[in-house]
């Protein structure tokens, strides 16, 4: 048998289980399978997180009835949201507004004594722009009563205040329908705001498109 025939016979020889090339091939296949399983498992890893069923206003007490559980993939930011596994402590209120269907950040909930803004009702007869909705920022101007049934020059009292809630008020025969706007007021601003209302000041709310607190 010549050299070429010997080489051909060697190539056609059935590989042994002890053949290093066969073992390396099997190892590579196993590694690939494990890698695919790991990737699929990671991609499918979701967490049950609470979302708001409806808008949750600042100061509102939050219970499980206000929330719904949704499956989402959060990865590294999971610790920042309220999970079903972590649960909801009793007595929590919203420190920041949570919009309908929005995931609930943990920092948006706390105890009532942590609130630094409180809602104050302002009744308005003038129509507000469509952009003035809960969560939007508005400037609150007041004009104090003057002499001869007139009012003094308006002054900016609350710059960039956040709207907490809005409700349509009732109307009487021959009068305009009122809108009650709940505006969030800090403890420092509260005396001036309540004083203006107690002295029958004319209060106006102007949408602040920039959302700035000047």
N, C-alpha and C. Protein backbone atom coordinates (compact mmCIF):
# COMPACT_ATOMS: atom_id res chain seq x y z
N UNK A 1 0.87 -1.20 0.00
CA UNK A 1 0.00 0.00 0.00
C UNK A 1 0.90 1.24 0.00
N UNK A 2 0.63 2.17 -0.91
CA UNK A 2 1.46 3.36 -1.01
C UNK A 2 1.13 4.39 0.05
N UNK A 3 1.96 5.44 0.13
CA UNK A 3 1.73 6.48 1.14
C UNK A 3 0.38 7.16 1.01
N UNK A 4 -0.08 7.43 -0.22
CA UNK A 4 -1.37 8.12 -0.40
C UNK A 4 -2.52 7.29 0.11
N UNK A 5 -2.45 5.98 -0.12
CA UNK A 5 -3.51 5.09 0.36
C UNK A 5 -3.53 5.06 1.88
N UNK A 6 -2.37 5.12 2.49
CA UNK A 6 -2.28 5.10 3.95
C UNK A 6 -2.92 6.35 4.55
N UNK A 7 -2.66 7.51 3.92
CA UNK A 7 -3.24 8.77 4.40
C UNK A 7 -4.76 8.77 4.27
N UNK A 8 -5.25 8.24 3.13
CA UNK A 8 -6.71 8.17 2.91
C UNK A 8 -7.37 7.28 3.94
N UNK A 9 -6.73 6.14 4.24
CA UNK A 9 -7.29 5.22 5.23
C UNK A 9 -7.34 5.87 6.60
N UNK A 10 -6.34 6.68 6.90
CA UNK A 10 -6.30 7.35 8.20
C UNK A 10 -7.44 8.37 8.33
N UNK A 11 -7.75 9.02 7.21
CA UNK A 11 -8.81 10.02 7.22
C UNK A 11 -10.18 9.37 7.39
N UNK A 12 -10.37 8.19 6.82
CA UNK A 12 -11.65 7.51 6.87
C UNK A 12 -11.85 6.72 8.15
N UNK A 13 -10.83 6.62 8.93
CA UNK A 13 -10.91 5.86 10.17
C UNK A 13 -11.87 6.52 11.14
N UNK A 14 -12.78 5.74 11.73
CA UNK A 14 -13.77 6.26 12.67
C UNK A 14 -13.06 6.86 13.89
N UNK A 15 -13.42 8.15 14.26
CA UNK A 15 -12.75 8.80 15.39
C UNK A 15 -13.06 8.09 16.70
N UNK A 16 -12.09 8.07 17.56
CA UNK A 16 -12.23 7.47 18.89
C UNK A 16 -12.75 8.51 19.88
N UNK A 17 -13.43 8.03 20.94
CA UNK A 17 -13.89 8.94 22.00
C UNK A 17 -12.72 9.64 22.68
N UNK A 18 -11.56 9.05 22.52
CA UNK A 18 -10.37 9.66 23.13
C UNK A 18 -9.70 10.68 22.21
N UNK A 19 -10.24 10.85 21.01
CA UNK A 19 -9.69 11.82 20.07
C UNK A 19 -9.89 13.23 20.62
N UNK A 20 -8.84 14.01 20.85
CA UNK A 20 -8.97 15.37 21.41
C UNK A 20 -9.86 16.27 20.58
N UNK A 21 -9.82 16.10 19.25
CA UNK A 21 -10.63 16.96 18.39
C UNK A 21 -12.13 16.73 18.62
N UNK A 22 -12.51 15.48 18.84
CA UNK A 22 -13.91 15.17 19.11
C UNK A 22 -14.35 15.73 20.46
N UNK A 23 -13.48 15.61 21.45
CA UNK A 23 -13.80 16.13 22.78
C UNK A 23 -13.95 17.65 22.76
N UNK A 24 -13.06 18.32 22.01
CA UNK A 24 -13.14 19.78 21.91
C UNK A 24 -14.42 20.21 21.21
N UNK A 25 -14.81 19.46 20.17
CA UNK A 25 -16.05 19.77 19.45
C UNK A 25 -17.27 19.64 20.33
N UNK A 26 -17.31 18.56 21.11
CA UNK A 26 -18.44 18.35 22.03
C UNK A 26 -18.49 19.46 23.07
N UNK A 27 -17.33 19.85 23.59
CA UNK A 27 -17.25 20.91 24.60
C UNK A 27 -17.76 22.23 24.04
N UNK A 28 -17.39 22.55 22.81
CA UNK A 28 -17.85 23.79 22.20
C UNK A 28 -19.37 23.81 22.01
N UNK A 29 -19.94 22.67 21.64
CA UNK A 29 -21.39 22.58 21.48
C UNK A 29 -22.09 22.79 22.82
N UNK A 30 -21.56 22.17 23.88
CA UNK A 30 -22.16 22.33 25.21
C UNK A 30 -22.08 23.77 25.69
N UNK A 31 -20.94 24.41 25.45
CA UNK A 31 -20.78 25.81 25.85
C UNK A 31 -21.79 26.70 25.12
N UNK A 32 -21.98 26.43 23.83
CA UNK A 32 -22.93 27.21 23.04
C UNK A 32 -24.35 27.04 23.58
N UNK A 33 -24.73 25.81 23.92
CA UNK A 33 -26.07 25.54 24.44
C UNK A 33 -26.30 26.27 25.77
N UNK A 34 -25.30 26.19 26.65
CA UNK A 34 -25.41 26.87 27.95
C UNK A 34 -25.52 28.38 27.76
N UNK A 35 -24.75 28.93 26.81
CA UNK A 35 -24.81 30.35 26.55
C UNK A 35 -26.16 30.79 26.05
N UNK A 36 -26.75 30.03 25.15
CA UNK A 36 -28.08 30.36 24.62
C UNK A 36 -29.12 30.32 25.72
N UNK A 37 -29.07 29.29 26.57
CA UNK A 37 -30.02 29.17 27.68
C UNK A 37 -29.90 30.36 28.62
N UNK A 38 -28.66 30.79 28.90
CA UNK A 38 -28.44 31.92 29.80
C UNK A 38 -29.00 33.21 29.21
N UNK A 39 -28.77 33.41 27.90
CA UNK A 39 -29.26 34.62 27.24
C UNK A 39 -30.78 34.66 27.25
N UNK A 40 -31.41 33.54 26.91
CA UNK A 40 -32.87 33.48 26.89
C UNK A 40 -33.44 33.69 28.28
N UNK A 41 -32.80 33.09 29.28
CA UNK A 41 -33.28 33.25 30.65
C UNK A 41 -33.18 34.68 31.13
N UNK A 42 -32.09 35.37 30.76
CA UNK A 42 -31.92 36.76 31.16
C UNK A 42 -32.92 37.66 30.46
N UNK A 43 -33.15 37.41 29.17
CA UNK A 43 -34.07 38.25 28.41
C UNK A 43 -35.50 38.11 28.91
N UNK A 44 -35.84 36.96 29.48
CA UNK A 44 -37.20 36.70 29.93
C UNK A 44 -37.41 37.01 31.41
N UNK A 45 -36.39 37.57 32.06
CA UNK A 45 -36.48 37.82 33.49
C UNK A 45 -37.23 39.12 33.75
N UNK A 46 -38.42 39.03 34.28
CA UNK A 46 -39.23 40.21 34.58
C UNK A 46 -39.56 40.23 36.07
N UNK A 47 -40.00 41.41 36.51
CA UNK A 47 -40.35 41.62 37.91
C UNK A 47 -41.75 42.19 37.99
N UNK A 48 -42.51 41.76 38.98
CA UNK A 48 -43.84 42.34 39.20
C UNK A 48 -43.69 43.64 39.97
N UNK A 49 -44.12 44.72 39.34
CA UNK A 49 -43.99 46.06 39.91
C UNK A 49 -45.37 46.71 39.96
N UNK A 50 -45.57 47.57 40.96
CA UNK A 50 -46.86 48.25 41.09
C UNK A 50 -46.91 49.47 40.17
N UNK A 51 -48.08 49.66 39.55
CA UNK A 51 -48.38 50.83 38.74
C UNK A 51 -49.67 51.45 39.24
N UNK A 52 -49.84 52.73 39.00
CA UNK A 52 -51.05 53.43 39.47
C UNK A 52 -52.25 53.11 38.58
N UNK A 53 -53.36 52.69 39.20
CA UNK A 53 -54.59 52.44 38.43
C UNK A 53 -55.15 53.74 37.87
N UNK A 54 -55.13 54.79 38.70
CA UNK A 54 -55.58 56.12 38.30
C UNK A 54 -54.54 57.12 38.82
N UNK A 55 -54.72 58.39 38.47
CA UNK A 55 -53.80 59.40 38.97
C UNK A 55 -53.78 59.39 40.51
N UNK A 56 -52.59 59.46 41.08
CA UNK A 56 -52.43 59.54 42.54
C UNK A 56 -51.90 60.93 42.87
N UNK A 57 -52.69 61.70 43.61
CA UNK A 57 -52.33 63.08 43.92
C UNK A 57 -51.42 63.16 45.13
N UNK A 58 -50.68 64.25 45.22
CA UNK A 58 -49.81 64.49 46.37
C UNK A 58 -50.65 64.55 47.64
N UNK A 59 -50.23 63.84 48.66
CA UNK A 59 -50.96 63.81 49.92
C UNK A 59 -51.98 62.69 50.01
N UNK A 60 -52.29 62.04 48.90
CA UNK A 60 -53.28 60.96 48.90
C UNK A 60 -52.70 59.72 49.57
N UNK A 61 -53.50 59.10 50.43
CA UNK A 61 -53.07 57.86 51.05
C UNK A 61 -53.16 56.73 50.02
N UNK A 62 -52.10 55.96 49.92
CA UNK A 62 -52.00 54.95 48.88
C UNK A 62 -52.22 53.56 49.48
N UNK A 63 -53.14 52.81 48.89
CA UNK A 63 -53.40 51.43 49.29
C UNK A 63 -53.26 50.54 48.06
N UNK A 64 -53.32 49.24 48.28
CA UNK A 64 -53.20 48.30 47.16
C UNK A 64 -54.36 48.45 46.17
N UNK A 65 -55.48 48.97 46.64
CA UNK A 65 -56.62 49.19 45.74
C UNK A 65 -56.31 50.25 44.70
N UNK A 66 -55.33 51.11 44.98
CA UNK A 66 -54.95 52.16 44.03
C UNK A 66 -53.91 51.67 43.02
N UNK A 67 -53.46 50.42 43.18
CA UNK A 67 -52.34 49.93 42.39
C UNK A 67 -52.72 48.67 41.62
N UNK A 68 -51.98 48.42 40.57
CA UNK A 68 -52.10 47.17 39.82
C UNK A 68 -50.70 46.62 39.58
N UNK A 69 -50.58 45.30 39.52
CA UNK A 69 -49.28 44.66 39.33
C UNK A 69 -49.03 44.44 37.83
N UNK A 70 -47.85 44.82 37.38
CA UNK A 70 -47.46 44.61 35.98
C UNK A 70 -46.08 43.94 35.95
N UNK A 71 -45.87 43.14 34.91
CA UNK A 71 -44.58 42.47 34.72
C UNK A 71 -43.71 43.31 33.80
N UNK A 72 -42.58 43.74 34.31
CA UNK A 72 -41.66 44.56 33.51
C UNK A 72 -40.23 44.10 33.78
N UNK A 73 -39.35 44.44 32.86
CA UNK A 73 -37.93 44.16 33.03
C UNK A 73 -37.23 45.45 33.43
N UNK A 74 -36.68 45.50 34.64
CA UNK A 74 -36.07 46.71 35.16
C UNK A 74 -34.56 46.63 35.30
N UNK A 75 -34.03 45.41 35.39
CA UNK A 75 -32.58 45.22 35.53
C UNK A 75 -32.04 46.02 36.72
N UNK A 76 -31.07 46.92 36.46
CA UNK A 76 -30.36 47.60 37.54
C UNK A 76 -31.19 48.65 38.27
N UNK A 77 -32.32 49.08 37.70
CA UNK A 77 -33.11 50.14 38.34
C UNK A 77 -34.27 49.58 39.15
N UNK A 78 -34.32 48.27 39.32
CA UNK A 78 -35.44 47.64 40.03
C UNK A 78 -35.60 48.18 41.44
N UNK A 79 -34.49 48.46 42.12
CA UNK A 79 -34.56 48.91 43.52
C UNK A 79 -35.25 50.26 43.66
N UNK A 80 -35.40 51.00 42.56
CA UNK A 80 -36.01 52.32 42.64
C UNK A 80 -37.53 52.31 42.55
N UNK A 81 -38.13 51.12 42.34
CA UNK A 81 -39.58 51.05 42.16
C UNK A 81 -40.22 50.13 43.18
N UNK A 82 -41.51 50.34 43.38
CA UNK A 82 -42.27 49.56 44.36
C UNK A 82 -42.65 48.22 43.74
N UNK A 83 -42.07 47.13 44.27
CA UNK A 83 -42.32 45.80 43.72
C UNK A 83 -43.37 45.08 44.56
N UNK A 84 -44.02 44.11 43.92
CA UNK A 84 -45.01 43.29 44.62
C UNK A 84 -44.33 42.49 45.72
N UNK A 85 -43.14 41.98 45.42
CA UNK A 85 -42.41 41.20 46.41
C UNK A 85 -42.04 42.03 47.63
N UNK A 86 -41.65 43.29 47.40
CA UNK A 86 -41.28 44.17 48.51
C UNK A 86 -42.48 44.62 49.32
N UNK A 87 -43.66 44.68 48.68
CA UNK A 87 -44.88 45.03 49.39
C UNK A 87 -45.05 46.53 49.59
N UNK A 88 -46.23 46.90 50.07
CA UNK A 88 -46.58 48.30 50.34
C UNK A 88 -46.88 48.46 51.82
N UNK A 89 -46.12 49.30 52.49
CA UNK A 89 -46.34 49.55 53.91
C UNK A 89 -47.61 50.37 54.12
N UNK A 90 -48.31 50.10 55.21
CA UNK A 90 -49.54 50.85 55.51
C UNK A 90 -49.21 52.28 55.91
N UNK A 91 -50.14 53.16 55.64
CA UNK A 91 -49.98 54.55 56.06
C UNK A 91 -49.17 55.41 55.12
N UNK A 92 -48.78 54.88 53.98
CA UNK A 92 -47.98 55.65 53.04
C UNK A 92 -48.87 56.62 52.25
N UNK A 93 -48.33 57.82 52.01
CA UNK A 93 -49.01 58.80 51.18
C UNK A 93 -48.09 59.19 50.03
N UNK A 94 -48.67 59.80 49.02
CA UNK A 94 -47.87 60.21 47.86
C UNK A 94 -47.17 61.53 48.17
N UNK A 95 -45.85 61.51 48.09
CA UNK A 95 -45.08 62.73 48.27
C UNK A 95 -44.92 63.47 46.93
N UNK A 96 -45.04 62.72 45.85
CA UNK A 96 -45.01 63.28 44.50
C UNK A 96 -46.17 62.65 43.72
N UNK A 97 -46.64 63.36 42.73
CA UNK A 97 -47.75 62.85 41.92
C UNK A 97 -47.30 61.64 41.10
N UNK A 98 -48.21 60.66 40.99
CA UNK A 98 -47.97 59.49 40.14
C UNK A 98 -49.12 59.43 39.13
N UNK A 99 -48.79 59.50 37.85
CA UNK A 99 -49.81 59.51 36.80
C UNK A 99 -50.37 58.11 36.58
N UNK A 100 -51.57 58.05 36.00
CA UNK A 100 -52.23 56.79 35.70
C UNK A 100 -51.31 55.91 34.84
N UNK A 101 -51.22 54.62 35.22
CA UNK A 101 -50.42 53.59 34.53
C UNK A 101 -48.92 53.78 34.69
N UNK A 102 -48.49 54.76 35.45
CA UNK A 102 -47.06 54.97 35.68
C UNK A 102 -46.58 54.02 36.78
N UNK A 103 -45.37 53.48 36.61
CA UNK A 103 -44.77 52.69 37.68
C UNK A 103 -44.53 53.59 38.89
N UNK A 104 -44.65 53.02 40.08
CA UNK A 104 -44.57 53.82 41.31
C UNK A 104 -43.13 53.84 41.83
N UNK A 105 -42.45 54.97 41.76
CA UNK A 105 -41.11 55.06 42.35
C UNK A 105 -41.20 55.01 43.87
N UNK A 106 -40.27 54.34 44.50
CA UNK A 106 -40.28 54.24 45.97
C UNK A 106 -40.19 55.61 46.62
N UNK A 107 -39.39 56.50 46.03
CA UNK A 107 -39.19 57.81 46.63
C UNK A 107 -40.44 58.69 46.57
N UNK A 108 -41.43 58.30 45.77
CA UNK A 108 -42.66 59.08 45.68
C UNK A 108 -43.62 58.80 46.83
N UNK A 109 -43.32 57.79 47.65
CA UNK A 109 -44.18 57.46 48.78
C UNK A 109 -43.44 57.71 50.08
N UNK A 110 -44.19 58.10 51.09
CA UNK A 110 -43.60 58.33 52.40
C UNK A 110 -44.70 58.56 53.42
N UNK A 111 -44.32 59.00 54.61
CA UNK A 111 -45.29 59.29 55.65
C UNK A 111 -45.78 60.72 55.50
N UNK A 112 -46.97 60.99 56.05
CA UNK A 112 -47.61 62.29 55.87
C UNK A 112 -46.76 63.43 56.41
N UNK A 113 -46.01 63.18 57.48
CA UNK A 113 -45.22 64.27 58.07
C UNK A 113 -44.01 64.65 57.20
N UNK A 114 -43.78 63.88 56.13
CA UNK A 114 -42.69 64.21 55.21
C UNK A 114 -43.13 65.13 54.09
N UNK A 115 -44.43 65.42 54.03
CA UNK A 115 -44.94 66.30 52.98
C UNK A 115 -44.42 67.73 53.18
N UNK A 116 -43.84 68.30 52.13
CA UNK A 116 -43.39 69.69 52.21
C UNK A 116 -44.28 70.62 51.39
N UNK A 117 -45.33 70.06 50.77
CA UNK A 117 -46.30 70.86 50.03
C UNK A 117 -47.69 70.32 50.34
N UNK A 118 -48.63 71.22 50.47
CA UNK A 118 -50.01 70.81 50.80
C UNK A 118 -50.97 71.46 49.81
N UNK A 119 -52.03 70.74 49.44
CA UNK A 119 -52.98 71.29 48.45
C UNK A 119 -53.90 72.35 49.04
N UNK A 120 -54.07 73.42 48.29
CA UNK A 120 -54.99 74.50 48.65
C UNK A 120 -55.95 74.70 47.48
N UNK A 121 -57.24 74.80 47.78
CA UNK A 121 -58.26 74.93 46.74
C UNK A 121 -58.40 76.38 46.31
N UNK A 122 -58.41 76.59 44.98
CA UNK A 122 -58.65 77.91 44.40
C UNK A 122 -59.81 77.78 43.44
N UNK A 123 -60.87 78.55 43.68
CA UNK A 123 -62.05 78.53 42.81
C UNK A 123 -61.89 79.60 41.74
N UNK A 124 -62.04 79.18 40.49
CA UNK A 124 -61.86 80.08 39.35
C UNK A 124 -63.09 80.06 38.47
N UNK A 125 -63.44 81.22 37.94
CA UNK A 125 -64.52 81.30 36.97
C UNK A 125 -64.00 81.41 35.55
N UNK A 126 -62.78 81.94 35.39
CA UNK A 126 -62.22 82.05 34.04
C UNK A 126 -61.75 80.68 33.55
N UNK A 127 -61.79 80.52 32.26
CA UNK A 127 -61.41 79.25 31.65
C UNK A 127 -59.89 79.12 31.61
N UNK A 128 -59.40 77.94 31.95
CA UNK A 128 -57.96 77.68 31.92
C UNK A 128 -57.57 77.04 30.60
N UNK A 129 -56.33 77.22 30.17
CA UNK A 129 -55.88 76.56 28.93
C UNK A 129 -55.88 75.05 29.09
N UNK A 130 -55.95 74.36 27.95
CA UNK A 130 -56.00 72.90 27.98
C UNK A 130 -54.75 72.31 28.62
N UNK A 131 -53.65 73.05 28.58
CA UNK A 131 -52.39 72.52 29.14
C UNK A 131 -52.36 72.54 30.67
N UNK A 132 -53.29 73.26 31.27
CA UNK A 132 -53.35 73.33 32.73
C UNK A 132 -54.05 72.09 33.27
N UNK A 133 -53.30 71.05 33.50
CA UNK A 133 -53.81 69.76 33.96
C UNK A 133 -53.02 69.34 35.20
N UNK A 134 -53.51 68.34 35.95
CA UNK A 134 -52.73 67.86 37.09
C UNK A 134 -51.30 67.51 36.69
N UNK A 135 -50.36 68.02 37.46
CA UNK A 135 -48.94 67.83 37.17
C UNK A 135 -48.31 69.01 36.48
N UNK A 136 -49.14 69.87 35.85
CA UNK A 136 -48.61 71.05 35.18
C UNK A 136 -48.28 72.13 36.20
N UNK A 137 -47.47 73.09 35.77
CA UNK A 137 -47.07 74.20 36.64
C UNK A 137 -47.83 75.47 36.25
N UNK A 138 -48.22 76.22 37.26
CA UNK A 138 -48.94 77.48 37.04
C UNK A 138 -48.38 78.55 37.96
N UNK A 139 -48.57 79.80 37.54
CA UNK A 139 -48.27 80.95 38.40
C UNK A 139 -49.57 81.45 39.01
N UNK A 140 -49.57 81.68 40.31
CA UNK A 140 -50.77 82.18 41.00
C UNK A 140 -50.55 83.65 41.34
N UNK A 141 -51.42 84.49 40.80
CA UNK A 141 -51.37 85.93 41.02
C UNK A 141 -52.54 86.34 41.92
N UNK A 142 -52.30 87.32 42.79
CA UNK A 142 -53.37 87.82 43.66
C UNK A 142 -53.43 89.35 43.56
N UNK A 143 -54.66 89.86 43.60
CA UNK A 143 -54.89 91.30 43.66
C UNK A 143 -55.72 91.58 44.90
N UNK A 144 -55.13 92.29 45.85
CA UNK A 144 -55.81 92.56 47.11
C UNK A 144 -56.88 93.63 46.92
N UNK A 145 -57.95 93.54 47.73
CA UNK A 145 -59.01 94.56 47.62
C UNK A 145 -58.46 95.95 47.92
N UNK A 146 -58.86 96.95 47.11
CA UNK A 146 -58.44 98.32 47.32
C UNK A 146 -59.62 99.18 47.72
N UNK A 147 -59.52 100.44 47.44
CA UNK A 147 -60.60 101.36 47.77
C UNK A 147 -61.61 101.42 46.64
N UNK A 148 -62.82 101.89 46.97
CA UNK A 148 -63.89 102.06 45.98
C UNK A 148 -64.19 100.77 45.21
N UNK A 149 -64.22 99.66 45.93
CA UNK A 149 -64.57 98.36 45.34
C UNK A 149 -63.64 97.94 44.20
N UNK A 150 -62.45 98.47 44.19
CA UNK A 150 -61.47 98.10 43.18
C UNK A 150 -60.43 97.17 43.81
N UNK A 151 -59.48 96.76 42.98
CA UNK A 151 -58.42 95.88 43.47
C UNK A 151 -57.06 96.51 43.17
N UNK A 152 -56.12 96.21 44.03
CA UNK A 152 -54.77 96.70 43.82
C UNK A 152 -54.12 95.98 42.64
N UNK A 153 -52.95 96.41 42.29
CA UNK A 153 -52.20 95.80 41.19
C UNK A 153 -51.88 94.34 41.53
N UNK A 154 -52.14 93.41 40.61
CA UNK A 154 -51.85 91.99 40.89
C UNK A 154 -50.36 91.77 41.18
N UNK A 155 -50.12 90.83 42.07
CA UNK A 155 -48.75 90.46 42.42
C UNK A 155 -48.59 88.94 42.30
N UNK A 156 -47.42 88.53 41.87
CA UNK A 156 -47.14 87.10 41.75
C UNK A 156 -46.91 86.52 43.14
N UNK A 157 -47.80 85.61 43.53
CA UNK A 157 -47.71 85.03 44.87
C UNK A 157 -47.04 83.66 44.86
N UNK A 158 -47.46 82.79 43.92
CA UNK A 158 -46.90 81.44 43.85
C UNK A 158 -46.35 81.20 42.45
N UNK A 159 -45.05 81.32 42.26
CA UNK A 159 -44.47 81.05 40.94
C UNK A 159 -44.22 79.56 40.73
N UNK A 160 -44.67 79.04 39.60
CA UNK A 160 -44.39 77.65 39.26
C UNK A 160 -45.00 76.64 40.21
N UNK A 161 -46.19 76.91 40.73
CA UNK A 161 -46.85 75.96 41.63
C UNK A 161 -47.43 74.79 40.83
N UNK A 162 -47.41 73.61 41.42
CA UNK A 162 -47.90 72.42 40.72
C UNK A 162 -49.39 72.20 40.99
N UNK A 163 -50.12 71.86 39.92
CA UNK A 163 -51.53 71.51 40.08
C UNK A 163 -51.62 70.07 40.57
N UNK A 164 -52.34 69.87 41.69
CA UNK A 164 -52.52 68.53 42.23
C UNK A 164 -53.76 67.87 41.65
N UNK A 165 -54.86 68.61 41.61
CA UNK A 165 -56.13 68.09 41.10
C UNK A 165 -56.96 69.23 40.53
N UNK A 166 -57.93 68.87 39.70
CA UNK A 166 -58.87 69.85 39.16
C UNK A 166 -60.25 69.21 39.12
N UNK A 167 -61.25 69.96 39.58
CA UNK A 167 -62.63 69.46 39.54
C UNK A 167 -63.54 70.58 39.07
N UNK A 168 -64.57 70.19 38.35
CA UNK A 168 -65.56 71.16 37.88
C UNK A 168 -66.53 71.44 39.02
N UNK A 169 -66.69 72.73 39.35
CA UNK A 169 -67.62 73.12 40.39
C UNK A 169 -69.01 73.31 39.82
N UNK A 170 -69.96 73.56 40.68
CA UNK A 170 -71.34 73.77 40.26
C UNK A 170 -71.54 75.21 39.79
N UNK A 171 -72.59 75.42 39.04
CA UNK A 171 -72.92 76.76 38.57
C UNK A 171 -74.35 77.08 38.97
N UNK A 172 -74.60 78.34 39.21
CA UNK A 172 -75.94 78.79 39.54
C UNK A 172 -76.52 79.54 38.34
N UNK A 173 -77.81 79.79 38.38
CA UNK A 173 -78.49 80.42 37.27
C UNK A 173 -77.88 81.79 36.99
N UNK A 174 -77.43 81.97 35.76
CA UNK A 174 -76.88 83.27 35.36
C UNK A 174 -75.42 83.45 35.72
N UNK A 175 -74.78 82.45 36.30
CA UNK A 175 -73.37 82.58 36.67
C UNK A 175 -72.54 81.56 35.91
N UNK A 176 -71.25 81.82 35.84
CA UNK A 176 -70.36 80.93 35.13
C UNK A 176 -70.04 79.70 35.97
N UNK A 177 -69.72 78.62 35.29
CA UNK A 177 -69.31 77.41 35.98
C UNK A 177 -67.91 77.61 36.56
N UNK A 178 -67.72 77.22 37.79
CA UNK A 178 -66.42 77.40 38.43
C UNK A 178 -65.58 76.13 38.30
N UNK A 179 -64.29 76.32 38.36
CA UNK A 179 -63.34 75.21 38.37
C UNK A 179 -62.52 75.31 39.65
N UNK A 180 -62.47 74.23 40.38
CA UNK A 180 -61.68 74.21 41.62
C UNK A 180 -60.33 73.58 41.30
N UNK A 181 -59.29 74.38 41.48
CA UNK A 181 -57.92 73.94 41.21
C UNK A 181 -57.20 73.74 42.53
N UNK A 182 -56.72 72.54 42.76
CA UNK A 182 -55.94 72.25 43.96
C UNK A 182 -54.47 72.49 43.62
N UNK A 183 -53.90 73.51 44.24
CA UNK A 183 -52.51 73.90 43.98
C UNK A 183 -51.66 73.55 45.19
N UNK A 184 -50.48 73.00 44.95
CA UNK A 184 -49.59 72.61 46.04
C UNK A 184 -48.81 73.82 46.54
N UNK A 185 -48.91 74.05 47.86
CA UNK A 185 -48.32 75.23 48.48
C UNK A 185 -47.36 74.78 49.58
N UNK A 186 -46.18 75.38 49.63
CA UNK A 186 -45.22 75.04 50.68
C UNK A 186 -45.64 75.70 51.99
N UNK A 187 -45.07 75.23 53.10
CA UNK A 187 -45.39 75.80 54.40
C UNK A 187 -44.97 77.27 54.47
N UNK A 188 -43.89 77.63 53.79
CA UNK A 188 -43.43 79.02 53.80
C UNK A 188 -44.40 79.93 53.05
N UNK A 189 -45.01 79.42 51.99
CA UNK A 189 -45.93 80.22 51.19
C UNK A 189 -47.35 80.23 51.74
N UNK A 190 -47.65 79.27 52.62
CA UNK A 190 -49.03 79.08 53.08
C UNK A 190 -49.65 80.31 53.75
N UNK A 191 -48.96 81.02 54.67
CA UNK A 191 -49.61 82.17 55.32
C UNK A 191 -50.06 83.24 54.34
N UNK A 192 -49.25 83.54 53.34
CA UNK A 192 -49.62 84.57 52.36
C UNK A 192 -50.81 84.11 51.52
N UNK A 193 -50.80 82.82 51.15
CA UNK A 193 -51.88 82.31 50.33
C UNK A 193 -53.20 82.34 51.09
N UNK A 194 -53.20 81.83 52.31
CA UNK A 194 -54.42 81.82 53.12
C UNK A 194 -54.85 83.23 53.49
N UNK A 195 -53.88 84.12 53.71
CA UNK A 195 -54.21 85.51 54.03
C UNK A 195 -54.89 86.20 52.86
N UNK A 196 -54.42 85.93 51.65
CA UNK A 196 -55.05 86.53 50.47
C UNK A 196 -56.47 86.04 50.31
N UNK A 197 -56.71 84.76 50.53
CA UNK A 197 -58.06 84.23 50.41
C UNK A 197 -58.97 84.78 51.51
N UNK A 198 -58.44 84.91 52.74
CA UNK A 198 -59.25 85.41 53.84
C UNK A 198 -59.65 86.87 53.63
N UNK A 199 -58.81 87.62 52.90
CA UNK A 199 -59.11 89.03 52.65
C UNK A 199 -59.81 89.26 51.32
N UNK A 200 -60.40 88.17 50.77
CA UNK A 200 -61.21 88.27 49.55
C UNK A 200 -60.42 88.80 48.36
N UNK A 201 -59.16 88.42 48.27
CA UNK A 201 -58.36 88.86 47.13
C UNK A 201 -58.84 88.16 45.87
N UNK A 202 -58.61 88.82 44.74
CA UNK A 202 -58.92 88.19 43.45
C UNK A 202 -57.73 87.33 43.06
N UNK A 203 -57.97 86.05 42.90
CA UNK A 203 -56.89 85.11 42.61
C UNK A 203 -56.99 84.65 41.16
N UNK A 204 -55.87 84.71 40.45
CA UNK A 204 -55.81 84.27 39.06
C UNK A 204 -54.71 83.23 38.91
N UNK A 205 -54.99 82.26 38.06
CA UNK A 205 -54.02 81.19 37.79
C UNK A 205 -53.61 81.25 36.33
N UNK A 206 -52.31 81.31 36.09
CA UNK A 206 -51.77 81.43 34.73
C UNK A 206 -50.86 80.24 34.47
N UNK A 207 -51.11 79.55 33.38
CA UNK A 207 -50.26 78.41 33.01
C UNK A 207 -48.83 78.86 32.81
N UNK A 208 -47.90 78.12 33.39
CA UNK A 208 -46.47 78.40 33.27
C UNK A 208 -45.86 77.36 32.32
N UNK A 209 -45.75 77.67 31.01
CA UNK A 209 -45.32 76.67 30.04
C UNK A 209 -43.92 76.14 30.28
N UNK A 210 -43.05 76.95 30.89
CA UNK A 210 -41.69 76.52 31.15
C UNK A 210 -41.59 75.65 32.40
N UNK A 211 -42.64 75.69 33.22
CA UNK A 211 -42.63 74.90 34.45
C UNK A 211 -41.60 75.37 35.44
N UNK A 212 -41.24 76.65 35.39
CA UNK A 212 -40.16 77.17 36.22
C UNK A 212 -40.68 77.73 37.53
N UNK A 213 -39.89 77.52 38.59
CA UNK A 213 -40.16 78.15 39.88
C UNK A 213 -39.19 79.30 40.02
N UNK A 214 -39.66 80.51 39.80
CA UNK A 214 -38.76 81.65 39.77
C UNK A 214 -38.48 82.17 41.16
